[in-house]
Amino acid sequence: MILDSLTAAASDNLKYTYFELGRSAANAKILNEPGFHACVGEFEHPICNFAAGLDLDRWSAERLARIALDRAMFNVYVTPNDKPQDLGDLLSREGFFRSYRLLQMVADPGEVQPKGNLVRAATRYDRLQIALFMVDQFFNKYGQSFREQVAETTARATSLELLSMRRDGKILAAAMVCFTNGMAGIYNVCVDAGFRGLGLGTTLMREILAVCAVRNAPATLQCDAKLEAWYRNIGFRRSGEIDVYALPKPTTVCYNAV
């Protein structure tokens, strides 16, 4: 694929992944509104309270703001192929602010064969164990109930593959992968805190890219700018940016959804 096609496919993969997670949260529902799609749920976390797939005008932006105002936490994800070009201005006029920015990166499928270091979760128990591992890496400062809800939601999203690297049965590293229309989205890349700095993250990513090569699927991910150089060394290149908007609320803490 040329870069523009990769960028569009990467943005579509992100939206599909987020909505698969969102609809897996308990009592969450999907809203298909003119100008945007949204997920709203009882769990106070953007994993099930967000909007994406934007084609806004003044009226749909107002509607989006009303929905966001009703939620304790709500993220709006702006991808490179959302419309119009002045989306940021439209959202700002409704009171949204850009809370953070992620880089969108892509990599072409290579020719390396998998070495068999990855274990794909095949049962609900396996999925929950990997999901709990991921949550412990990303949300270790939060309470058990909160972490269990995020893990349960992740485990329920069975269209998303959960992969892990293990030693003597212990999970050392993991990631979530979503295959859509020939594109592989890589999310929640993490390594056990006690085993970082040993190259496990690089091994994990190279194994995932080898799986992508077998499926002839280019890969995409989103990352903080400080990780760009690391991913470049693995073969990724920047294809765009993902801006995340929220409404200011005195008690709001903004989390990355995946």
C-alpha atoms as a PDB file:
ATOM      1  CA  MET A   1       0.000   0.000   0.000  1.00  0.00           C
ATOM      2  CA  ILE A   2       1.121   3.595  -0.605  1.00  0.00           C
ATOM      3  CA  LEU A   3       1.395   5.804   2.470  1.00  0.00           C
ATOM      4  CA  ASP A   4      -1.980   7.560   2.025  1.00  0.00           C
ATOM      5  CA  SER A   5      -3.735   4.188   1.797  1.00  0.00           C
ATOM      6  CA  LEU A   6      -1.833   2.920   4.830  1.00  0.00           C
ATOM      7  CA  THR A   7      -2.787   6.022   6.792  1.00  0.00           C
ATOM      8  CA  ALA A   8      -6.473   5.565   5.985  1.00  0.00           C
ATOM      9  CA  ALA A   9      -6.368   1.833   6.752  1.00  0.00           C
ATOM     10  CA  ALA A  10      -4.546   2.535  10.021  1.00  0.00           C
ATOM     11  CA  SER A  11      -7.204   5.060  11.064  1.00  0.00           C
ATOM     12  CA  ASP A  12      -9.989   2.601  10.217  1.00  0.00           C
ATOM     13  CA  ASN A  13      -8.221  -0.093  12.244  1.00  0.00           C
ATOM     14  CA  LEU A  14      -8.033   2.168  15.287  1.00  0.00           C
ATOM     15  CA  LYS A  15     -11.742   3.015  15.092  1.00  0.00           C
ATOM     16  CA  TYR A  16     -12.734  -0.637  14.664  1.00  0.00           C
ATOM     17  CA  THR A  17     -10.555  -1.671  17.614  1.00  0.00           C
ATOM     18  CA  TYR A  18     -11.867   1.011  19.938  1.00  0.00           C
ATOM     19  CA  PHE A  19     -15.502   0.233  19.142  1.00  0.00           C
ATOM     20  CA  GLU A  20     -14.917  -3.502  19.605  1.00  0.00           C
ATOM     21  CA  LEU A  21     -13.541  -2.732  23.064  1.00  0.00           C
ATOM     22  CA  GLY A  22     -16.283  -0.233  23.815  1.00  0.00           C
ATOM     23  CA  ARG A  23     -19.170  -2.527  22.907  1.00  0.00           C
ATOM     24  CA  SER A  24     -17.597  -5.219  25.132  1.00  0.00           C
ATOM     25  CA  ALA A  25     -17.982  -3.118  28.273  1.00  0.00           C
ATOM     26  CA  ALA A  26     -20.931  -3.997  30.509  1.00  0.00           C
ATOM     27  CA  ASN A  27     -24.098  -2.072  29.586  1.00  0.00           C
ATOM     28  CA  ALA A  28     -22.319   0.041  26.967  1.00  0.00           C
ATOM     29  CA  LYS A  29     -24.112   1.120  23.802  1.00  0.00           C
ATOM     30  CA  ILE A  30     -23.054   2.462  20.411  1.00  0.00           C
ATOM     31  CA  LEU A  31     -24.568   5.702  19.106  1.00  0.00           C
ATOM     32  CA  ASN A  32     -24.563   6.222  15.340  1.00  0.00           C
ATOM     33  CA  GLU A  33     -25.106   9.961  15.127  1.00  0.00           C
ATOM     34  CA  PRO A  34     -25.017  12.282  12.099  1.00  0.00           C
ATOM     35  CA  GLY A  35     -21.390  13.354  11.885  1.00  0.00           C
ATOM     36  CA  PHE A  36     -19.868  10.877  14.354  1.00  0.00           C
ATOM     37  CA  HIS A  37     -20.107   7.524  16.107  1.00  0.00           C
ATOM     38  CA  ALA A  38     -19.892   7.259  19.883  1.00  0.00           C
ATOM     39  CA  CYS A  39     -19.811   4.700  22.652  1.00  0.00           C
ATOM     40  CA  VAL A  40     -21.280   5.412  26.079  1.00  0.00           C
ATOM     41  CA  GLY A  41     -21.151   3.157  29.110  1.00  0.00           C
ATOM     42  CA  GLU A  42     -21.568   3.046  32.863  1.00  0.00           C
ATOM     43  CA  PHE A  43     -17.894   2.328  33.562  1.00  0.00           C
ATOM     44  CA  GLU A  44     -16.190   5.707  34.044  1.00  0.00           C
ATOM     45  CA  HIS A  45     -13.342   5.172  31.610  1.00  0.00           C
ATOM     46  CA  PRO A  46     -12.819   6.189  27.951  1.00  0.00           C
ATOM     47  CA  ILE A  47     -12.619   2.517  26.993  1.00  0.00           C
ATOM     48  CA  CYS A  48     -16.420   2.786  26.671  1.00  0.00           C
ATOM     49  CA  ASN A  49     -16.954   6.556  26.634  1.00  0.00           C
ATOM     50  CA  PHE A  50     -15.619   8.101  23.452  1.00  0.00           C
ATOM     51  CA  ALA A  51     -16.376   9.296  19.922  1.00  0.00           C
ATOM     52  CA  ALA A  52     -14.590   8.546  16.651  1.00  0.00           C
ATOM     53  CA  GLY A  53     -15.293   8.413  12.920  1.00  0.00           C
ATOM     54  CA  LEU A  54     -15.860  12.156  12.666  1.00  0.00           C
ATOM     55  CA  ASP A  55     -17.395  14.192   9.843  1.00  0.00           C
ATOM     56  CA  LEU A  56     -18.557  17.133  11.913  1.00  0.00           C
ATOM     57  CA  ASP A  57     -20.381  20.359  11.231  1.00  0.00           C
ATOM     58  CA  ARG A  58     -21.510  22.983  13.733  1.00  0.00           C
ATOM     59  CA  TRP A  59     -24.690  21.125  14.717  1.00  0.00           C
ATOM     60  CA  SER A  60     -23.132  17.670  15.090  1.00  0.00           C
ATOM     61  CA  ALA A  61     -20.270  19.208  17.098  1.00  0.00           C
ATOM     62  CA  GLU A  62     -22.847  20.694  19.482  1.00  0.00           C
ATOM     63  CA  ARG A  63     -24.550  17.308  19.791  1.00  0.00           C
ATOM     64  CA  LEU A  64     -21.203  15.660  20.516  1.00  0.00           C
ATOM     65  CA  ALA A  65     -20.477  18.205  23.246  1.00  0.00           C
ATOM     66  CA  ARG A  66     -23.861  17.505  24.897  1.00  0.00           C
ATOM     67  CA  ILE A  67     -23.121  13.781  24.970  1.00  0.00           C
ATOM     68  CA  ALA A  68     -19.635  14.393  26.392  1.00  0.00           C
ATOM     69  CA  LEU A  69     -21.002  16.698  29.106  1.00  0.00           C
ATOM     70  CA  ASP A  70     -23.117  13.837  30.464  1.00  0.00           C
ATOM     71  CA  ARG A  71     -20.075  11.592  30.980  1.00  0.00           C
ATOM     72  CA  ALA A  72     -17.504  11.801  33.764  1.00  0.00           C
ATOM     73  CA  MET A  73     -14.838  10.836  31.206  1.00  0.00           C
ATOM     74  CA  PHE A  74     -15.151  11.092  27.455  1.00  0.00           C
ATOM     75  CA  ASN A  75     -12.496  11.164  24.724  1.00  0.00           C
ATOM     76  CA  VAL A  76     -12.883  12.310  21.126  1.00  0.00           C
ATOM     77  CA  TYR A  77     -10.364  10.657  18.785  1.00  0.00           C
ATOM     78  CA  VAL A  78      -9.382  12.655  15.701  1.00  0.00           C
ATOM     79  CA  THR A  79      -7.576  10.582  13.056  1.00  0.00           C
ATOM     80  CA  PRO A  80      -5.886  11.737   9.815  1.00  0.00           C
ATOM     81  CA  ASN A  81      -8.890  10.843   7.651  1.00  0.00           C
ATOM     82  CA  ASP A  82     -11.558  12.534   9.792  1.00  0.00           C
ATOM     83  CA  LYS A  83     -13.332  15.644   8.503  1.00  0.00           C
ATOM     84  CA  PRO A  84     -13.348  18.608   8.127  1.00  0.00           C
ATOM     85  CA  GLN A  85      -9.790  19.927   8.102  1.00  0.00           C
ATOM     86  CA  ASP A  86     -10.602  22.432  10.845  1.00  0.00           C
ATOM     87  CA  LEU A  87     -11.912  19.769  13.239  1.00  0.00           C
ATOM     88  CA  GLY A  88      -9.774  21.153  16.037  1.00  0.00           C
ATOM     89  CA  ASP A  89     -11.370  24.569  15.687  1.00  0.00           C
ATOM     90  CA  LEU A  90     -14.878  23.085  15.617  1.00  0.00           C
ATOM     91  CA  LEU A  91     -14.215  21.100  18.778  1.00  0.00           C
ATOM     92  CA  SER A  92     -12.540  24.040  20.510  1.00  0.00           C
ATOM     93  CA  ARG A  93     -15.594  26.230  19.889  1.00  0.00           C
ATOM     94  CA  GLU A  94     -17.653  23.623  21.769  1.00  0.00           C
ATOM     95  CA  GLY A  95     -15.303  23.725  24.749  1.00  0.00           C
ATOM     96  CA  PHE A  96     -13.090  20.724  23.943  1.00  0.00           C
ATOM     97  CA  PHE A  97      -9.347  20.918  24.436  1.00  0.00           C
ATOM     98  CA  ARG A  98      -6.633  18.664  23.056  1.00  0.00           C
ATOM     99  CA  SER A  99      -5.576  16.551  26.027  1.00  0.00           C
ATOM    100  CA  TYR A 100      -2.805  14.658  24.250  1.00  0.00           C
ATOM    101  CA  ARG A 101      -1.436  13.609  20.866  1.00  0.00           C
ATOM    102  CA  LEU A 102      -0.227  10.217  19.681  1.00  0.00           C
ATOM    103  CA  LEU A 103       1.839   9.445  16.611  1.00  0.00           C
ATOM    104  CA  GLN A 104       0.336   7.071  14.088  1.00  0.00           C
ATOM    105  CA  MET A 105       3.026   4.753  12.697  1.00  0.00           C
ATOM    106  CA  VAL A 106       2.997   2.048  10.026  1.00  0.00           C
ATOM    107  CA  ALA A 107       5.346  -0.720   8.872  1.00  0.00           C
ATOM    108  CA  ASP A 108       5.321  -2.816   5.703  1.00  0.00           C
ATOM    109  CA  PRO A 109       5.156  -6.603   6.098  1.00  0.00           C
ATOM    110  CA  GLY A 110       8.599  -8.151   5.958  1.00  0.00           C
ATOM    111  CA  GLU A 111       9.776 -11.612   4.998  1.00  0.00           C
ATOM    112  CA  VAL A 112      10.778 -12.944   8.415  1.00  0.00           C
ATOM    113  CA  GLN A 113       9.104 -16.127   9.634  1.00  0.00           C
ATOM    114  CA  PRO A 114       7.767 -16.314  13.218  1.00  0.00           C
ATOM    115  CA  LYS A 115      10.062 -18.116  15.654  1.00  0.00           C
ATOM    116  CA  GLY A 116       7.209 -19.475  17.740  1.00  0.00           C
ATOM    117  CA  ASN A 117       7.796 -17.236  20.758  1.00  0.00           C
ATOM    118  CA  LEU A 118       4.232 -15.947  20.795  1.00  0.00           C
ATOM    119  CA  VAL A 119       1.285 -17.664  22.468  1.00  0.00           C
ATOM    120  CA  ARG A 120      -2.171 -16.675  21.234  1.00  0.00           C
ATOM    121  CA  ALA A 121      -4.936 -16.734  23.838  1.00  0.00           C
ATOM    122  CA  ALA A 122      -7.327 -19.488  22.767  1.00  0.00           C
ATOM    123  CA  THR A 123      -9.650 -19.672  25.780  1.00  0.00           C
ATOM    124  CA  ARG A 124     -11.526 -17.171  27.911  1.00  0.00           C
ATOM    125  CA  TYR A 125      -9.205 -17.984  30.810  1.00  0.00           C
ATOM    126  CA  ASP A 126      -6.124 -17.251  28.677  1.00  0.00           C
ATOM    127  CA  ARG A 127      -7.636 -13.999  27.441  1.00  0.00           C
ATOM    128  CA  LEU A 128      -8.422 -12.835  30.944  1.00  0.00           C
ATOM    129  CA  GLN A 129      -4.924 -13.691  32.202  1.00  0.00           C
ATOM    130  CA  ILE A 130      -3.290 -11.669  29.412  1.00  0.00           C
ATOM    131  CA  ALA A 131      -5.755  -8.810  29.900  1.00  0.00           C
ATOM    132  CA  LEU A 132      -5.015  -8.726  33.633  1.00  0.00           C
ATOM    133  CA  PHE A 133      -1.294  -8.671  32.859  1.00  0.00           C
ATOM    134  CA  MET A 134      -1.767  -5.697  30.513  1.00  0.00           C
ATOM    135  CA  VAL A 135      -3.849  -3.804  33.047  1.00  0.00           C
ATOM    136  CA  ASP A 136      -1.247  -4.406  35.764  1.00  0.00           C
ATOM    137  CA  GLN A 137       1.412  -2.801  33.543  1.00  0.00           C
ATOM    138  CA  PHE A 138      -0.653   0.236  32.541  1.00  0.00           C
ATOM    139  CA  PHE A 139      -2.858   0.838  35.605  1.00  0.00           C
ATOM    140  CA  ASN A 140      -0.883  -0.578  38.520  1.00  0.00           C
ATOM    141  CA  LYS A 141      -1.629   2.489  40.662  1.00  0.00           C
ATOM    142  CA  TYR A 142      -5.399   2.052  40.409  1.00  0.00           C
ATOM    143  CA  GLY A 143      -7.699  -0.073  42.522  1.00  0.00           C
ATOM    144  CA  GLN A 144      -8.455  -3.716  41.936  1.00  0.00           C
ATOM    145  CA  SER A 145     -12.081  -3.146  40.915  1.00  0.00           C
ATOM    146  CA  PHE A 146     -11.037  -0.610  38.284  1.00  0.00           C
ATOM    147  CA  ARG A 147      -8.349  -2.908  36.875  1.00  0.00           C
ATOM    148  CA  GLU A 148     -10.683  -5.892  36.798  1.00  0.00           C
ATOM    149  CA  GLN A 149     -13.296  -3.946  34.818  1.00  0.00           C
ATOM    150  CA  VAL A 150     -10.735  -2.888  32.190  1.00  0.00           C
ATOM    151  CA  ALA A 151      -9.384  -6.443  31.985  1.00  0.00           C
ATOM    152  CA  GLU A 152     -12.855  -7.988  31.730  1.00  0.00           C
ATOM    153  CA  THR A 153     -13.803  -5.597  28.923  1.00  0.00           C
ATOM    154  CA  THR A 154     -10.584  -6.406  27.051  1.00  0.00           C
ATOM    155  CA  ALA A 155     -11.083 -10.149  27.468  1.00  0.00           C
ATOM    156  CA  ARG A 156     -14.648  -9.955  26.147  1.00  0.00           C
ATOM    157  CA  ALA A 157     -13.555  -8.324  22.867  1.00  0.00           C
ATOM    158  CA  THR A 158     -12.895 -11.681  21.220  1.00  0.00           C
ATOM    159  CA  SER A 159     -12.366 -10.279  17.705  1.00  0.00           C
ATOM    160  CA  LEU A 160      -9.121  -8.769  19.024  1.00  0.00           C
ATOM    161  CA  GLU A 161      -6.230 -11.225  19.373  1.00  0.00           C
ATOM    162  CA  LEU A 162      -4.290 -11.294  22.656  1.00  0.00           C
ATOM    163  CA  LEU A 163      -0.688 -12.486  22.318  1.00  0.00           C
ATOM    164  CA  SER A 164       1.925 -13.157  24.969  1.00  0.00           C
ATOM    165  CA  MET A 165       5.514 -14.250  25.465  1.00  0.00           C
ATOM    166  CA  ARG A 166       6.067 -16.536  28.432  1.00  0.00           C
ATOM    167  CA  ARG A 167       8.796 -18.198  30.437  1.00  0.00           C
ATOM    168  CA  ASP A 168       7.948 -21.199  32.606  1.00  0.00           C
ATOM    169  CA  GLY A 169       4.287 -20.286  32.231  1.00  0.00           C
ATOM    170  CA  LYS A 170       4.793 -16.699  33.424  1.00  0.00           C
ATOM    171  CA  ILE A 171       3.729 -13.888  31.089  1.00  0.00           C
ATOM    172  CA  LEU A 172       6.697 -11.604  30.399  1.00  0.00           C
ATOM    173  CA  ALA A 173       5.325  -9.497  27.543  1.00  0.00           C
ATOM    174  CA  ALA A 174       2.037  -9.095  25.702  1.00  0.00           C
ATOM    175  CA  ALA A 175       0.148  -7.181  23.025  1.00  0.00           C
ATOM    176  CA  MET A 176      -3.289  -6.950  21.464  1.00  0.00           C
ATOM    177  CA  VAL A 177      -3.579  -7.243  17.671  1.00  0.00           C
ATOM    178  CA  CYS A 178      -6.534  -6.394  15.456  1.00  0.00           C
ATOM    179  CA  PHE A 179      -6.633  -7.534  11.816  1.00  0.00           C
ATOM    180  CA  THR A 180      -8.956  -5.498   9.572  1.00  0.00           C
ATOM    181  CA  ASN A 181      -9.003  -5.377   5.771  1.00  0.00           C
ATOM    182  CA  GLY A 182      -5.394  -6.465   5.397  1.00  0.00           C
ATOM    183  CA  MET A 183      -4.093  -4.172   8.154  1.00  0.00           C
ATOM    184  CA  ALA A 184      -2.751  -5.305  11.544  1.00  0.00           C
ATOM    185  CA  GLY A 185      -3.239  -2.877  14.404  1.00  0.00           C
ATOM    186  CA  ILE A 186      -0.897  -3.420  17.370  1.00  0.00           C
ATOM    187  CA  TYR A 187      -2.071  -2.172  20.766  1.00  0.00           C
ATOM    188  CA  ASN A 188      -1.243  -2.442  24.481  1.00  0.00           C
ATOM    189  CA  VAL A 189       2.392  -3.440  23.909  1.00  0.00           C
ATOM    190  CA  CYS A 190       3.826  -4.091  27.356  1.00  0.00           C
ATOM    191  CA  VAL A 191       6.610  -5.899  29.214  1.00  0.00           C
ATOM    192  CA  ASP A 192       6.656  -7.052  32.831  1.00  0.00           C
ATOM    193  CA  ALA A 193       8.225  -4.282  34.929  1.00  0.00           C
ATOM    194  CA  GLY A 194      10.779  -6.713  36.338  1.00  0.00           C
ATOM    195  CA  PHE A 195      12.040  -7.762  32.891  1.00  0.00           C
ATOM    196  CA  ARG A 196      12.354  -4.438  31.088  1.00  0.00           C
ATOM    197  CA  GLY A 197      15.616  -3.411  29.472  1.00  0.00           C
ATOM    198  CA  LEU A 198      16.374  -6.970  28.335  1.00  0.00           C
ATOM    199  CA  GLY A 199      15.156  -6.635  24.744  1.00  0.00           C
ATOM    200  CA  LEU A 200      11.847  -8.434  25.308  1.00  0.00           C
ATOM    201  CA  GLY A 201       9.858  -5.554  23.830  1.00  0.00           C
ATOM    202  CA  THR A 202      11.907  -5.657  20.637  1.00  0.00           C
ATOM    203  CA  THR A 203      11.564  -9.446  20.441  1.00  0.00           C
ATOM    204  CA  LEU A 204       7.809  -9.173  20.965  1.00  0.00           C
ATOM    205  CA  MET A 205       7.431  -6.595  18.198  1.00  0.00           C
ATOM    206  CA  ARG A 206       9.593  -8.524  15.732  1.00  0.00           C
ATOM    207  CA  GLU A 207       7.565 -11.672  16.375  1.00  0.00           C
ATOM    208  CA  ILE A 208       4.317  -9.781  15.781  1.00  0.00           C
ATOM    209  CA  LEU A 209       5.703  -8.314  12.559  1.00  0.00           C
ATOM    210  CA  ALA A 210       6.671 -11.832  11.470  1.00  0.00           C
ATOM    211  CA  VAL A 211       3.055 -12.914  12.012  1.00  0.00           C
ATOM    212  CA  CYS A 212       1.974  -9.890   9.955  1.00  0.00           C
ATOM    213  CA  ALA A 213       4.347 -10.998   7.194  1.00  0.00           C
ATOM    214  CA  VAL A 214       2.740 -14.448   7.096  1.00  0.00           C
ATOM    215  CA  ARG A 215      -0.645 -12.734   6.651  1.00  0.00           C
ATOM    216  CA  ASN A 216       0.845 -10.200   4.205  1.00  0.00           C
ATOM    217  CA  ALA A 217      -0.558  -7.409   6.376  1.00  0.00           C
ATOM    218  CA  PRO A 218       1.157  -4.064   7.018  1.00  0.00           C
ATOM    219  CA  ALA A 219       1.143  -3.051  10.680  1.00  0.00           C
ATOM    220  CA  THR A 220       0.076   0.107  12.469  1.00  0.00           C
ATOM    221  CA  LEU A 221       0.287   1.419  16.018  1.00  0.00           C
ATOM    222  CA  GLN A 222      -0.078   4.621  17.997  1.00  0.00           C
ATOM    223  CA  CYS A 223       2.595   5.811  20.393  1.00  0.00           C
ATOM    224  CA  ASP A 224       3.889   8.741  22.394  1.00  0.00           C
ATOM    225  CA  ALA A 225       6.419  10.881  20.516  1.00  0.00           C
ATOM    226  CA  LYS A 226       9.196   9.795  22.903  1.00  0.00           C
ATOM    227  CA  LEU A 227       8.870   6.223  21.576  1.00  0.00           C
ATOM    228  CA  GLU A 228       9.102   7.167  17.899  1.00  0.00           C
ATOM    229  CA  ALA A 229      12.844   6.453  17.608  1.00  0.00           C
ATOM    230  CA  TRP A 230      12.439   3.017  19.231  1.00  0.00           C
ATOM    231  CA  TYR A 231       9.685   2.006  16.826  1.00  0.00           C
ATOM    232  CA  ARG A 232      11.643   3.397  13.878  1.00  0.00           C
ATOM    233  CA  ASN A 233      14.474   1.013  14.746  1.00  0.00           C
ATOM    234  CA  ILE A 234      12.004  -1.861  14.428  1.00  0.00           C
ATOM    235  CA  GLY A 235      10.834  -0.713  10.987  1.00  0.00           C
ATOM    236  CA  PHE A 236       7.946   1.674  11.603  1.00  0.00           C
ATOM    237  CA  ARG A 237       7.567   5.143  10.122  1.00  0.00           C
ATOM    238  CA  ARG A 238       5.279   8.019  11.000  1.00  0.00           C
ATOM    239  CA  SER A 239       2.091   8.227   8.903  1.00  0.00           C
ATOM    240  CA  GLY A 240       0.041  10.769  10.829  1.00  0.00           C
ATOM    241  CA  GLU A 241      -1.141  11.930  14.225  1.00  0.00           C
ATOM    242  CA  ILE A 242      -4.043  11.032  16.506  1.00  0.00           C
ATOM    243  CA  ASP A 243      -5.347  13.962  18.537  1.00  0.00           C
ATOM    244  CA  VAL A 244      -7.445  13.219  21.616  1.00  0.00           C
ATOM    245  CA  TYR A 245      -9.899  15.868  22.802  1.00  0.00           C
ATOM    246  CA  ALA A 246     -11.872  16.117  26.029  1.00  0.00           C
ATOM    247  CA  LEU A 247     -14.027  18.608  27.894  1.00  0.00           C
ATOM    248  CA  PRO A 248     -12.439  20.222  30.955  1.00  0.00           C
ATOM    249  CA  LYS A 249     -13.937  18.879  34.162  1.00  0.00           C
ATOM    250  CA  PRO A 250     -12.533  19.599  37.624  1.00  0.00           C
ATOM    251  CA  THR A 251     -12.396  15.910  38.597  1.00  0.00           C
ATOM    252  CA  THR A 252     -11.512  14.462  35.180  1.00  0.00           C
ATOM    253  CA  VAL A 253      -8.370  12.425  34.671  1.00  0.00           C
ATOM    254  CA  CYS A 254      -7.814  11.517  30.996  1.00  0.00           C
ATOM    255  CA  TYR A 255      -6.689   7.966  30.240  1.00  0.00           C
ATOM    256  CA  ASN A 256      -5.567   6.388  26.988  1.00  0.00           C
ATOM    257  CA  ALA A 257      -8.276   3.926  26.021  1.00  0.00           C
ATOM    258  CA  VAL A 258      -5.995   1.060  24.832  1.00  0.00           C
END
